Amino acid sequence: MKQEFLNLAKQRRTIYALGKQVDFSNAELADLIKEAVKLAPTAFNSQSTRAVIAFGQAHDKVWEIVRESLRKVVKDDDAFAQTSAKIDSFKAAYGTVLYFTDMDVVHNLEKQFPAYADNFYDWSEQAMGNTNFAVWTALAENGLGASLQHYNPLIDEAIAAEFDVPASWKLRAEMPFGSIEAPAGDKEFMADDDRFKVVD
């Protein structure tokens, strides 16, 4: 049985030590990310996922927005110093993918198919997960590391204003990516008997 896909999936790990030692051009990286987003499955082929791909100063601005937003809610200076150091590690990456769900797509499907109306947002979240995994694995296949962060909704308004994001786009995640400066640690798995049931 072929295992190429599983081998690629094993390469996809959460990498926190990210750097800027990337041999690909911004155009090549953007094309890779766009293609992965396009190929990720969505319910009803809704294509509800959107992405802003940030490089250079735009990438830096993402993480300064995160820092400024957190400073407003983290009042303790020592705690903020730790938080700020974490933000620095994301800013040290080469770029960031900002993932959004286009809520206009979700609401239009709710109207078109009222019998399934309660499901369309959940299905858009499944589409988001598919997209995150697809992009993450495509980056890993090319020797790049990434992690998935969730500073939304704290940063939503500032991100929308900075990058002229349509009002219908709802921020769902942020993915800093770049060169792998230190590998991920060992990954532990729970017992198969607690996780799976195989029936005939």
C-alpha atoms as a PDB file:
ATOM      1  CA  MET A   1       0.000   0.000   0.000  1.00  0.00           C
ATOM      2  CA  LYS A   2       1.348   3.438  -0.941  1.00  0.00           C
ATOM      3  CA  GLN A   3       2.374   5.708   1.924  1.00  0.00           C
ATOM      4  CA  GLU A   4       3.627   8.858   0.197  1.00  0.00           C
ATOM      5  CA  PHE A   5       0.782  10.999   1.559  1.00  0.00           C
ATOM      6  CA  LEU A   6       1.324   9.709   5.098  1.00  0.00           C
ATOM      7  CA  ASN A   7       5.047  10.407   4.826  1.00  0.00           C
ATOM      8  CA  LEU A   8       4.270  13.980   3.799  1.00  0.00           C
ATOM      9  CA  ALA A   9       1.793  14.315   6.666  1.00  0.00           C
ATOM     10  CA  LYS A  10       4.504  13.186   9.092  1.00  0.00           C
ATOM     11  CA  GLN A  11       6.687  16.072   7.918  1.00  0.00           C
ATOM     12  CA  ARG A  12       3.996  18.581   8.865  1.00  0.00           C
ATOM     13  CA  ARG A  13       4.776  19.560  12.419  1.00  0.00           C
ATOM     14  CA  THR A  14       4.252  22.642  14.548  1.00  0.00           C
ATOM     15  CA  ILE A  15       7.511  24.579  14.252  1.00  0.00           C
ATOM     16  CA  TYR A  16       8.014  27.502  16.606  1.00  0.00           C
ATOM     17  CA  ALA A  17      11.664  28.271  15.784  1.00  0.00           C
ATOM     18  CA  LEU A  18      11.163  29.907  12.394  1.00  0.00           C
ATOM     19  CA  GLY A  19      13.545  32.032  10.347  1.00  0.00           C
ATOM     20  CA  LYS A  20      13.954  33.892   7.086  1.00  0.00           C
ATOM     21  CA  GLN A  21      16.446  31.548   5.353  1.00  0.00           C
ATOM     22  CA  VAL A  22      14.103  30.766   2.469  1.00  0.00           C
ATOM     23  CA  ASP A  23      15.319  30.015  -1.055  1.00  0.00           C
ATOM     24  CA  PHE A  24      11.976  30.469  -2.802  1.00  0.00           C
ATOM     25  CA  SER A  25      10.717  33.745  -4.204  1.00  0.00           C
ATOM     26  CA  ASN A  26       7.614  35.409  -2.803  1.00  0.00           C
ATOM     27  CA  ALA A  27       5.860  34.673  -6.093  1.00  0.00           C
ATOM     28  CA  GLU A  28       6.706  30.957  -5.862  1.00  0.00           C
ATOM     29  CA  LEU A  29       5.507  30.764  -2.283  1.00  0.00           C
ATOM     30  CA  ALA A  30       2.309  32.661  -3.065  1.00  0.00           C
ATOM     31  CA  ASP A  31       1.581  30.320  -5.988  1.00  0.00           C
ATOM     32  CA  LEU A  32       2.148  27.258  -3.785  1.00  0.00           C
ATOM     33  CA  ILE A  33      -0.162  28.582  -1.068  1.00  0.00           C
ATOM     34  CA  LYS A  34      -2.851  29.640  -3.547  1.00  0.00           C
ATOM     35  CA  GLU A  35      -2.841  26.216  -5.209  1.00  0.00           C
ATOM     36  CA  ALA A  36      -3.098  24.428  -1.864  1.00  0.00           C
ATOM     37  CA  VAL A  37      -6.051  26.634  -0.876  1.00  0.00           C
ATOM     38  CA  LYS A  38      -7.779  25.967  -4.198  1.00  0.00           C
ATOM     39  CA  LEU A  39      -7.360  22.199  -3.918  1.00  0.00           C
ATOM     40  CA  ALA A  40      -8.609  21.887  -0.341  1.00  0.00           C
ATOM     41  CA  PRO A  41     -12.129  20.396  -0.348  1.00  0.00           C
ATOM     42  CA  THR A  42     -15.159  22.450   0.705  1.00  0.00           C
ATOM     43  CA  ALA A  43     -18.777  21.392   1.218  1.00  0.00           C
ATOM     44  CA  PHE A  44     -20.955  22.107  -1.864  1.00  0.00           C
ATOM     45  CA  ASN A  45     -17.705  23.256  -3.523  1.00  0.00           C
ATOM     46  CA  SER A  46     -18.443  26.499  -1.713  1.00  0.00           C
ATOM     47  CA  GLN A  47     -14.808  27.686  -1.804  1.00  0.00           C
ATOM     48  CA  SER A  48     -15.529  29.693   1.337  1.00  0.00           C
ATOM     49  CA  THR A  49     -11.912  30.051   2.478  1.00  0.00           C
ATOM     50  CA  ARG A  50      -9.951  33.226   1.786  1.00  0.00           C
ATOM     51  CA  ALA A  51      -6.309  34.067   2.469  1.00  0.00           C
ATOM     52  CA  VAL A  52      -4.066  37.085   2.786  1.00  0.00           C
ATOM     53  CA  ILE A  53      -0.433  36.094   2.166  1.00  0.00           C
ATOM     54  CA  ALA A  54       1.876  38.568   3.883  1.00  0.00           C
ATOM     55  CA  PHE A  55       5.603  39.013   3.225  1.00  0.00           C
ATOM     56  CA  GLY A  56       8.164  41.590   4.299  1.00  0.00           C
ATOM     57  CA  GLN A  57       6.759  44.675   6.004  1.00  0.00           C
ATOM     58  CA  ALA A  58       3.211  43.325   5.741  1.00  0.00           C
ATOM     59  CA  HIS A  59       4.265  40.183   7.635  1.00  0.00           C
ATOM     60  CA  ASP A  60       5.943  42.310  10.303  1.00  0.00           C
ATOM     61  CA  LYS A  61       2.826  44.463  10.591  1.00  0.00           C
ATOM     62  CA  VAL A  62       0.646  41.407  11.296  1.00  0.00           C
ATOM     63  CA  TRP A  63       2.659  40.607  14.398  1.00  0.00           C
ATOM     64  CA  GLU A  64       2.942  44.215  15.550  1.00  0.00           C
ATOM     65  CA  ILE A  65      -0.860  44.367  15.384  1.00  0.00           C
ATOM     66  CA  VAL A  66      -0.976  41.231  17.529  1.00  0.00           C
ATOM     67  CA  ARG A  67       1.483  42.754  20.003  1.00  0.00           C
ATOM     68  CA  GLU A  68      -0.388  46.064  20.216  1.00  0.00           C
ATOM     69  CA  SER A  69      -3.724  44.299  20.634  1.00  0.00           C
ATOM     70  CA  LEU A  70      -2.407  42.055  23.408  1.00  0.00           C
ATOM     71  CA  ARG A  71      -0.798  44.997  25.225  1.00  0.00           C
ATOM     72  CA  LYS A  72      -4.306  46.418  25.671  1.00  0.00           C
ATOM     73  CA  VAL A  73      -5.516  43.319  27.522  1.00  0.00           C
ATOM     74  CA  VAL A  74      -2.358  42.009  29.232  1.00  0.00           C
ATOM     75  CA  LYS A  75      -1.768  44.548  31.991  1.00  0.00           C
ATOM     76  CA  ASP A  76       0.960  42.759  33.944  1.00  0.00           C
ATOM     77  CA  ASP A  77       4.378  43.830  32.614  1.00  0.00           C
ATOM     78  CA  ASP A  78       6.117  40.516  33.327  1.00  0.00           C
ATOM     79  CA  ALA A  79       3.356  38.540  31.642  1.00  0.00           C
ATOM     80  CA  PHE A  80       3.427  40.882  28.666  1.00  0.00           C
ATOM     81  CA  ALA A  81       7.203  40.496  28.354  1.00  0.00           C
ATOM     82  CA  GLN A  82       6.701  36.743  27.923  1.00  0.00           C
ATOM     83  CA  THR A  83       3.884  37.339  25.466  1.00  0.00           C
ATOM     84  CA  SER A  84       5.966  39.830  23.505  1.00  0.00           C
ATOM     85  CA  ALA A  85       8.841  37.340  23.240  1.00  0.00           C
ATOM     86  CA  LYS A  86       6.422  34.818  21.767  1.00  0.00           C
ATOM     87  CA  ILE A  87       5.262  37.398  19.224  1.00  0.00           C
ATOM     88  CA  ASP A  88       8.913  38.029  18.326  1.00  0.00           C
ATOM     89  CA  SER A  89       9.276  34.334  17.468  1.00  0.00           C
ATOM     90  CA  PHE A  90       6.382  34.583  15.007  1.00  0.00           C
ATOM     91  CA  LYS A  91       7.703  37.828  13.553  1.00  0.00           C
ATOM     92  CA  ALA A  92      11.076  36.106  13.003  1.00  0.00           C
ATOM     93  CA  ALA A  93       9.379  33.925  10.377  1.00  0.00           C
ATOM     94  CA  TYR A  94       9.532  34.692   6.657  1.00  0.00           C
ATOM     95  CA  GLY A  95       5.826  35.262   6.041  1.00  0.00           C
ATOM     96  CA  THR A  96       2.311  34.770   7.386  1.00  0.00           C
ATOM     97  CA  VAL A  97      -0.864  33.378   5.906  1.00  0.00           C
ATOM     98  CA  LEU A  98      -4.011  34.960   7.329  1.00  0.00           C
ATOM     99  CA  TYR A  99      -6.995  32.637   6.881  1.00  0.00           C
ATOM    100  CA  PHE A 100     -10.567  33.914   6.573  1.00  0.00           C
ATOM    101  CA  THR A 101     -14.028  32.491   5.958  1.00  0.00           C
ATOM    102  CA  ASP A 102     -16.184  34.518   3.588  1.00  0.00           C
ATOM    103  CA  MET A 103     -19.417  34.740   5.550  1.00  0.00           C
ATOM    104  CA  ASP A 104     -21.323  35.964   2.482  1.00  0.00           C
ATOM    105  CA  VAL A 105     -20.764  32.514   0.979  1.00  0.00           C
ATOM    106  CA  VAL A 106     -21.990  30.838   4.172  1.00  0.00           C
ATOM    107  CA  HIS A 107     -25.106  33.018   4.441  1.00  0.00           C
ATOM    108  CA  ASN A 108     -25.978  32.621   0.756  1.00  0.00           C
ATOM    109  CA  LEU A 109     -25.865  28.842   1.119  1.00  0.00           C
ATOM    110  CA  GLU A 110     -28.044  29.058   4.219  1.00  0.00           C
ATOM    111  CA  LYS A 111     -30.654  30.882   2.128  1.00  0.00           C
ATOM    112  CA  GLN A 112     -30.333  28.570  -0.889  1.00  0.00           C
ATOM    113  CA  PHE A 113     -30.574  25.367   1.126  1.00  0.00           C
ATOM    114  CA  PRO A 114     -32.648  26.109   4.241  1.00  0.00           C
ATOM    115  CA  ALA A 115     -32.885  22.432   5.191  1.00  0.00           C
ATOM    116  CA  TYR A 116     -29.109  22.483   5.795  1.00  0.00           C
ATOM    117  CA  ALA A 117     -28.883  26.050   7.083  1.00  0.00           C
ATOM    118  CA  ASP A 118     -27.661  25.066  10.542  1.00  0.00           C
ATOM    119  CA  ASN A 119     -24.741  23.139   9.051  1.00  0.00           C
ATOM    120  CA  PHE A 120     -23.091  25.578   6.685  1.00  0.00           C
ATOM    121  CA  TYR A 121     -20.960  27.404   9.233  1.00  0.00           C
ATOM    122  CA  ASP A 122     -19.750  24.100  10.680  1.00  0.00           C
ATOM    123  CA  TRP A 123     -18.937  22.944   7.160  1.00  0.00           C
ATOM    124  CA  SER A 124     -17.012  26.144   6.498  1.00  0.00           C
ATOM    125  CA  GLU A 125     -14.923  25.369   9.590  1.00  0.00           C
ATOM    126  CA  GLN A 126     -14.233  21.904   8.196  1.00  0.00           C
ATOM    127  CA  ALA A 127     -13.153  23.588   4.959  1.00  0.00           C
ATOM    128  CA  MET A 128     -10.877  25.860   6.987  1.00  0.00           C
ATOM    129  CA  GLY A 129      -9.238  22.865   8.667  1.00  0.00           C
ATOM    130  CA  ASN A 130      -8.767  21.176   5.298  1.00  0.00           C
ATOM    131  CA  THR A 131      -7.142  24.342   3.965  1.00  0.00           C
ATOM    132  CA  ASN A 132      -4.840  24.787   6.961  1.00  0.00           C
ATOM    133  CA  PHE A 133      -3.651  21.199   6.632  1.00  0.00           C
ATOM    134  CA  ALA A 134      -3.172  21.453   2.865  1.00  0.00           C
ATOM    135  CA  VAL A 135      -1.072  24.625   3.021  1.00  0.00           C
ATOM    136  CA  TRP A 136       0.892  23.432   6.061  1.00  0.00           C
ATOM    137  CA  THR A 137       1.747  20.126   4.382  1.00  0.00           C
ATOM    138  CA  ALA A 138       2.693  21.811   1.087  1.00  0.00           C
ATOM    139  CA  LEU A 139       5.078  24.089   2.990  1.00  0.00           C
ATOM    140  CA  ALA A 140       6.523  21.123   4.881  1.00  0.00           C
ATOM    141  CA  GLU A 141       7.082  19.218   1.635  1.00  0.00           C
ATOM    142  CA  ASN A 142       9.278  22.131   0.543  1.00  0.00           C
ATOM    143  CA  GLY A 143      11.318  22.111   3.729  1.00  0.00           C
ATOM    144  CA  LEU A 144       9.518  25.028   5.399  1.00  0.00           C
ATOM    145  CA  GLY A 145       8.126  25.117   8.895  1.00  0.00           C
ATOM    146  CA  ALA A 146       4.921  26.695  10.157  1.00  0.00           C
ATOM    147  CA  SER A 147       2.590  26.916  13.126  1.00  0.00           C
ATOM    148  CA  LEU A 148      -1.092  27.754  13.409  1.00  0.00           C
ATOM    149  CA  GLN A 149      -2.074  30.622  15.685  1.00  0.00           C
ATOM    150  CA  HIS A 150      -5.432  32.053  16.750  1.00  0.00           C
ATOM    151  CA  TYR A 151      -5.313  35.673  17.882  1.00  0.00           C
ATOM    152  CA  ASN A 152      -8.694  36.316  16.324  1.00  0.00           C
ATOM    153  CA  PRO A 153     -11.095  37.911  17.181  1.00  0.00           C
ATOM    154  CA  LEU A 154      -8.834  40.220  19.215  1.00  0.00           C
ATOM    155  CA  ILE A 155      -7.018  41.452  16.101  1.00  0.00           C
ATOM    156  CA  ASP A 156      -9.864  41.266  13.574  1.00  0.00           C
ATOM    157  CA  GLU A 157     -10.654  44.966  13.222  1.00  0.00           C
ATOM    158  CA  ALA A 158      -7.028  46.094  13.016  1.00  0.00           C
ATOM    159  CA  ILE A 159      -6.139  43.391  10.470  1.00  0.00           C
ATOM    160  CA  ALA A 160      -9.175  44.245   8.352  1.00  0.00           C
ATOM    161  CA  ALA A 161      -8.274  47.928   8.355  1.00  0.00           C
ATOM    162  CA  GLU A 162      -4.573  47.367   7.641  1.00  0.00           C
ATOM    163  CA  PHE A 163      -5.080  45.001   4.710  1.00  0.00           C
ATOM    164  CA  ASP A 164      -8.360  46.356   3.336  1.00  0.00           C
ATOM    165  CA  VAL A 165     -10.140  43.064   4.015  1.00  0.00           C
ATOM    166  CA  PRO A 166     -13.775  42.831   2.833  1.00  0.00           C
ATOM    167  CA  ALA A 167     -16.318  43.108   5.638  1.00  0.00           C
ATOM    168  CA  SER A 168     -17.654  39.624   4.917  1.00  0.00           C
ATOM    169  CA  TRP A 169     -14.282  37.963   5.590  1.00  0.00           C
ATOM    170  CA  LYS A 170     -14.079  36.515   9.110  1.00  0.00           C
ATOM    171  CA  LEU A 171     -10.538  35.917  10.403  1.00  0.00           C
ATOM    172  CA  ARG A 172     -10.053  32.341  11.610  1.00  0.00           C
ATOM    173  CA  ALA A 173      -6.289  31.741  11.975  1.00  0.00           C
ATOM    174  CA  GLU A 174      -2.790  33.035  11.405  1.00  0.00           C
ATOM    175  CA  MET A 175       0.056  30.838  10.062  1.00  0.00           C
ATOM    176  CA  PRO A 176       3.627  32.160  10.360  1.00  0.00           C
ATOM    177  CA  PHE A 177       6.017  30.183   8.149  1.00  0.00           C
ATOM    178  CA  GLY A 178       9.688  30.165   7.259  1.00  0.00           C
ATOM    179  CA  SER A 179      12.922  28.244   7.562  1.00  0.00           C
ATOM    180  CA  ILE A 180      13.125  25.597  10.278  1.00  0.00           C
ATOM    181  CA  GLU A 181      15.652  26.878  12.825  1.00  0.00           C
ATOM    182  CA  ALA A 182      15.026  24.067  15.323  1.00  0.00           C
ATOM    183  CA  PRO A 183      13.056  20.853  14.826  1.00  0.00           C
ATOM    184  CA  ALA A 184       9.803  19.964  16.527  1.00  0.00           C
ATOM    185  CA  GLY A 185       9.972  17.735  19.573  1.00  0.00           C
ATOM    186  CA  ASP A 186       8.777  14.155  19.725  1.00  0.00           C
ATOM    187  CA  LYS A 187       5.075  13.688  19.131  1.00  0.00           C
ATOM    188  CA  GLU A 188       3.110  11.349  21.372  1.00  0.00           C
ATOM    189  CA  PHE A 189      -0.011   9.518  20.251  1.00  0.00           C
ATOM    190  CA  MET A 190      -2.812   8.187  22.401  1.00  0.00           C
ATOM    191  CA  ALA A 191      -3.552   4.459  22.304  1.00  0.00           C
ATOM    192  CA  ASP A 192      -5.355   3.295  19.155  1.00  0.00           C
ATOM    193  CA  ASP A 193      -7.886   1.374  21.261  1.00  0.00           C
ATOM    194  CA  ASP A 194      -9.013   4.660  22.835  1.00  0.00           C
ATOM    195  CA  ARG A 195      -9.340   6.401  19.489  1.00  0.00           C
ATOM    196  CA  PHE A 196     -10.540   3.951  16.866  1.00  0.00           C
ATOM    197  CA  LYS A 197     -13.181   1.317  16.371  1.00  0.00           C
ATOM    198  CA  VAL A 198     -12.926  -0.963  13.326  1.00  0.00           C
ATOM    199  CA  VAL A 199     -16.106  -2.845  12.495  1.00  0.00           C
ATOM    200  CA  ASP A 200     -16.918  -5.536   9.901  1.00  0.00           C
END
